[in-house]
Amino acid sequence: MNVQYVSVEGIMKIELTINKSKDLPRGALPALEKELLKRLQNQYENCSLVIRRTGGDSLTVFGGEKGDKTKVEEILQETWESADGWFY
């Protein structure tokens, strides 16, 4: 997965792209967006999230501190791995 960090003052914006060739269960993207945003907002008060299907996987973090990129990656990984608890 391609991961970028871009420093922008103020609000943290997170963009997650998922390869459109990957099979995902029906309703997975809205459920992922809801759960991931909830978890991110527990850590970061002023953050927004956009999830799109594209030709590849990537995570881009705009704003925040340098260490925030790693924390966002960890939150994403934990959210994805716990899908059985929030998706069904």
N, C-alpha and C. Protein backbone atom coordinates (compact mmCIF):
# COMPACT_ATOMS: atom_id res chain seq x y z
N MET A 1 0.84 -1.17 0.00
CA MET A 1 0.00 0.00 0.00
C MET A 1 0.89 1.23 0.00
N ASN A 2 0.57 2.18 -0.84
CA ASN A 2 1.28 3.44 -0.91
C ASN A 2 0.77 4.34 0.22
N VAL A 3 1.68 4.88 1.03
CA VAL A 3 1.29 5.75 2.15
C VAL A 3 2.02 7.07 2.00
N GLN A 4 1.25 8.18 2.08
CA GLN A 4 1.83 9.51 1.99
C GLN A 4 1.46 10.31 3.22
N TYR A 5 2.31 11.26 3.57
CA TYR A 5 2.02 12.21 4.64
C TYR A 5 2.28 13.60 4.08
N VAL A 6 1.29 14.46 4.16
CA VAL A 6 1.42 15.83 3.70
C VAL A 6 1.00 16.74 4.84
N SER A 7 1.86 17.66 5.26
CA SER A 7 1.55 18.55 6.37
C SER A 7 0.69 19.72 5.92
N VAL A 8 -0.48 19.84 6.53
CA VAL A 8 -1.41 20.94 6.27
C VAL A 8 -1.94 21.37 7.63
N GLU A 9 -1.85 22.65 7.95
CA GLU A 9 -2.28 23.11 9.27
C GLU A 9 -3.79 23.06 9.40
N GLY A 10 -4.25 22.80 10.63
CA GLY A 10 -5.68 22.82 10.91
C GLY A 10 -6.27 21.44 10.97
N ILE A 11 -7.06 21.11 9.99
CA ILE A 11 -7.82 19.86 9.97
C ILE A 11 -6.99 18.73 9.36
N MET A 12 -7.14 17.54 9.93
CA MET A 12 -6.51 16.37 9.36
C MET A 12 -7.49 15.74 8.38
N LYS A 13 -7.04 15.50 7.18
CA LYS A 13 -7.85 14.85 6.16
C LYS A 13 -7.18 13.54 5.77
N ILE A 14 -7.95 12.49 5.78
CA ILE A 14 -7.42 11.16 5.47
C ILE A 14 -8.14 10.64 4.23
N GLU A 15 -7.35 10.21 3.26
CA GLU A 15 -7.90 9.63 2.04
C GLU A 15 -7.42 8.19 1.93
N LEU A 16 -8.36 7.28 1.84
CA LEU A 16 -8.06 5.86 1.70
C LEU A 16 -8.61 5.40 0.37
N THR A 17 -7.77 4.80 -0.45
CA THR A 17 -8.25 4.23 -1.71
C THR A 17 -8.06 2.72 -1.64
N ILE A 18 -9.04 2.01 -2.17
CA ILE A 18 -9.03 0.56 -2.18
C ILE A 18 -9.16 0.11 -3.63
N ASN A 19 -8.30 -0.80 -4.02
CA ASN A 19 -8.29 -1.30 -5.39
C ASN A 19 -9.66 -1.86 -5.76
N LYS A 20 -10.21 -1.36 -6.86
CA LYS A 20 -11.55 -1.77 -7.26
C LYS A 20 -11.61 -3.21 -7.75
N SER A 21 -10.45 -3.83 -7.98
CA SER A 21 -10.45 -5.23 -8.40
C SER A 21 -10.62 -6.18 -7.22
N LYS A 22 -10.51 -5.67 -5.99
CA LYS A 22 -10.68 -6.51 -4.80
C LYS A 22 -12.17 -6.72 -4.54
N ASP A 23 -12.52 -7.98 -4.28
CA ASP A 23 -13.90 -8.30 -3.94
C ASP A 23 -14.16 -7.91 -2.49
N LEU A 24 -15.17 -7.09 -2.28
CA LEU A 24 -15.59 -6.72 -0.94
C LEU A 24 -17.06 -7.09 -0.78
N PRO A 25 -17.45 -7.50 0.41
CA PRO A 25 -18.87 -7.82 0.63
C PRO A 25 -19.74 -6.59 0.42
N ARG A 26 -20.98 -6.82 0.04
CA ARG A 26 -21.94 -5.73 -0.15
C ARG A 26 -22.07 -4.94 1.15
N GLY A 27 -21.97 -3.63 1.03
CA GLY A 27 -22.09 -2.76 2.20
C GLY A 27 -20.80 -2.56 2.98
N ALA A 28 -19.71 -3.16 2.52
CA ALA A 28 -18.46 -3.09 3.26
C ALA A 28 -17.88 -1.67 3.32
N LEU A 29 -17.93 -0.94 2.20
CA LEU A 29 -17.33 0.40 2.20
C LEU A 29 -18.05 1.38 3.13
N PRO A 30 -19.36 1.48 3.08
CA PRO A 30 -20.02 2.39 4.03
C PRO A 30 -19.80 1.98 5.49
N ALA A 31 -19.80 0.68 5.74
CA ALA A 31 -19.58 0.20 7.11
C ALA A 31 -18.15 0.52 7.56
N LEU A 32 -17.18 0.30 6.68
CA LEU A 32 -15.79 0.61 6.99
C LEU A 32 -15.63 2.10 7.25
N GLU A 33 -16.22 2.92 6.40
CA GLU A 33 -16.10 4.37 6.55
C GLU A 33 -16.68 4.82 7.90
N LYS A 34 -17.82 4.30 8.26
CA LYS A 34 -18.48 4.68 9.53
C LYS A 34 -17.62 4.27 10.73
N GLU A 35 -17.15 3.03 10.73
CA GLU A 35 -16.37 2.53 11.86
C GLU A 35 -15.00 3.20 11.94
N LEU A 36 -14.33 3.34 10.81
CA LEU A 36 -13.01 3.96 10.81
C LEU A 36 -13.09 5.42 11.22
N LEU A 37 -14.07 6.14 10.74
CA LEU A 37 -14.22 7.54 11.12
C LEU A 37 -14.49 7.67 12.62
N LYS A 38 -15.31 6.79 13.16
CA LYS A 38 -15.58 6.80 14.60
C LYS A 38 -14.28 6.61 15.40
N ARG A 39 -13.48 5.65 14.99
CA ARG A 39 -12.22 5.38 15.70
C ARG A 39 -11.22 6.53 15.52
N LEU A 40 -11.16 7.09 14.33
CA LEU A 40 -10.24 8.21 14.08
C LEU A 40 -10.64 9.42 14.91
N GLN A 41 -11.94 9.69 14.99
CA GLN A 41 -12.40 10.86 15.74
C GLN A 41 -12.23 10.70 17.25
N ASN A 42 -12.05 9.47 17.71
CA ASN A 42 -11.71 9.25 19.12
C ASN A 42 -10.30 9.75 19.41
N GLN A 43 -9.44 9.75 18.40
CA GLN A 43 -8.04 10.17 18.55
C GLN A 43 -7.80 11.59 18.04
N TYR A 44 -8.52 11.97 16.99
CA TYR A 44 -8.29 13.24 16.32
C TYR A 44 -9.61 13.99 16.18
N GLU A 45 -9.73 15.08 16.90
CA GLU A 45 -10.99 15.83 16.93
C GLU A 45 -11.38 16.38 15.57
N ASN A 46 -10.44 16.98 14.87
CA ASN A 46 -10.73 17.61 13.58
C ASN A 46 -10.19 16.78 12.43
N CYS A 47 -10.87 15.68 12.13
CA CYS A 47 -10.41 14.89 11.00
C CYS A 47 -11.60 14.53 10.11
N SER A 48 -11.29 14.36 8.84
CA SER A 48 -12.29 13.90 7.89
C SER A 48 -11.72 12.70 7.14
N LEU A 49 -12.61 11.90 6.59
CA LEU A 49 -12.21 10.67 5.93
C LEU A 49 -12.94 10.54 4.60
N VAL A 50 -12.18 10.16 3.57
CA VAL A 50 -12.75 9.86 2.26
C VAL A 50 -12.22 8.48 1.86
N ILE A 51 -13.14 7.60 1.48
CA ILE A 51 -12.75 6.27 0.98
C ILE A 51 -13.28 6.15 -0.44
N ARG A 52 -12.37 5.77 -1.35
CA ARG A 52 -12.75 5.62 -2.76
C ARG A 52 -12.21 4.31 -3.31
N ARG A 53 -12.88 3.79 -4.33
CA ARG A 53 -12.38 2.63 -5.07
C ARG A 53 -11.62 3.17 -6.28
N THR A 54 -10.38 2.76 -6.43
CA THR A 54 -9.54 3.21 -7.54
C THR A 54 -8.74 2.03 -8.08
N GLY A 55 -7.71 2.34 -8.85
CA GLY A 55 -6.87 1.31 -9.44
C GLY A 55 -5.83 0.74 -8.49
N GLY A 56 -5.72 1.27 -7.28
CA GLY A 56 -4.72 0.78 -6.33
C GLY A 56 -5.07 1.14 -4.90
N ASP A 57 -4.34 0.54 -3.98
CA ASP A 57 -4.51 0.81 -2.56
C ASP A 57 -3.57 1.93 -2.13
N SER A 58 -4.09 2.88 -1.36
CA SER A 58 -3.20 3.91 -0.81
C SER A 58 -3.87 4.57 0.39
N LEU A 59 -3.05 5.17 1.21
CA LEU A 59 -3.50 5.92 2.36
C LEU A 59 -2.72 7.23 2.36
N THR A 60 -3.44 8.36 2.35
CA THR A 60 -2.80 9.66 2.38
C THR A 60 -3.35 10.42 3.57
N VAL A 61 -2.45 11.02 4.33
CA VAL A 61 -2.82 11.80 5.51
C VAL A 61 -2.38 13.24 5.29
N PHE A 62 -3.34 14.16 5.27
CA PHE A 62 -3.06 15.58 5.15
C PHE A 62 -3.27 16.21 6.52
N GLY A 63 -2.28 16.97 6.99
CA GLY A 63 -2.41 17.63 8.28
C GLY A 63 -1.90 16.76 9.41
N GLY A 64 -1.98 17.29 10.62
CA GLY A 64 -1.51 16.54 11.78
C GLY A 64 0.00 16.62 11.94
N GLU A 65 0.49 15.83 12.85
CA GLU A 65 1.92 15.75 13.13
C GLU A 65 2.51 14.55 12.39
N LYS A 66 3.83 14.51 12.28
CA LYS A 66 4.47 13.41 11.55
C LYS A 66 4.12 12.04 12.12
N GLY A 67 4.05 11.91 13.44
CA GLY A 67 3.73 10.63 14.06
C GLY A 67 2.30 10.19 13.84
N ASP A 68 1.44 11.11 13.42
CA ASP A 68 0.03 10.78 13.21
C ASP A 68 -0.17 9.80 12.07
N LYS A 69 0.67 9.84 11.07
CA LYS A 69 0.54 8.91 9.93
C LYS A 69 0.62 7.47 10.42
N THR A 70 1.60 7.20 11.29
CA THR A 70 1.76 5.86 11.82
C THR A 70 0.55 5.46 12.65
N LYS A 71 0.04 6.38 13.46
CA LYS A 71 -1.13 6.09 14.29
C LYS A 71 -2.36 5.82 13.42
N VAL A 72 -2.55 6.58 12.36
CA VAL A 72 -3.67 6.35 11.44
C VAL A 72 -3.54 4.97 10.79
N GLU A 73 -2.34 4.59 10.40
CA GLU A 73 -2.11 3.26 9.82
C GLU A 73 -2.51 2.17 10.82
N GLU A 74 -2.13 2.36 12.09
CA GLU A 74 -2.46 1.38 13.13
C GLU A 74 -3.97 1.30 13.34
N ILE A 75 -4.65 2.44 13.37
CA ILE A 75 -6.10 2.45 13.55
C ILE A 75 -6.78 1.76 12.37
N LEU A 76 -6.32 2.03 11.15
CA LEU A 76 -6.86 1.37 9.96
C LEU A 76 -6.68 -0.14 10.05
N GLN A 77 -5.49 -0.58 10.41
CA GLN A 77 -5.20 -2.01 10.52
C GLN A 77 -6.09 -2.67 11.57
N GLU A 78 -6.21 -2.04 12.75
CA GLU A 78 -7.05 -2.59 13.83
C GLU A 78 -8.51 -2.65 13.39
N THR A 79 -8.96 -1.63 12.69
CA THR A 79 -10.35 -1.58 12.24
C THR A 79 -10.62 -2.70 11.24
N TRP A 80 -9.72 -2.86 10.29
CA TRP A 80 -9.89 -3.88 9.26
C TRP A 80 -9.88 -5.28 9.88
N GLU A 81 -8.95 -5.50 10.83
CA GLU A 81 -8.82 -6.82 11.44
C GLU A 81 -9.99 -7.16 12.36
N SER A 82 -10.70 -6.17 12.85
CA SER A 82 -11.83 -6.42 13.76
C SER A 82 -13.17 -6.36 13.03
N ALA A 83 -13.17 -6.52 11.72
CA ALA A 83 -14.40 -6.39 10.92
C ALA A 83 -15.50 -7.34 11.38
N ASP A 84 -15.16 -8.49 11.89
CA ASP A 84 -16.19 -9.42 12.35
C ASP A 84 -17.03 -8.83 13.47
N GLY A 85 -16.45 -7.91 14.23
CA GLY A 85 -17.17 -7.32 15.34
C GLY A 85 -18.08 -6.16 14.96
N TRP A 86 -17.78 -5.45 13.87
CA TRP A 86 -18.59 -4.28 13.51
C TRP A 86 -19.31 -4.40 12.17
N PHE A 87 -18.92 -5.34 11.32
CA PHE A 87 -19.52 -5.40 10.00
C PHE A 87 -20.81 -6.22 9.98
N TYR A 88 -20.86 -7.28 10.73
CA TYR A 88 -22.04 -8.16 10.65
C TYR A 88 -23.05 -7.88 11.71
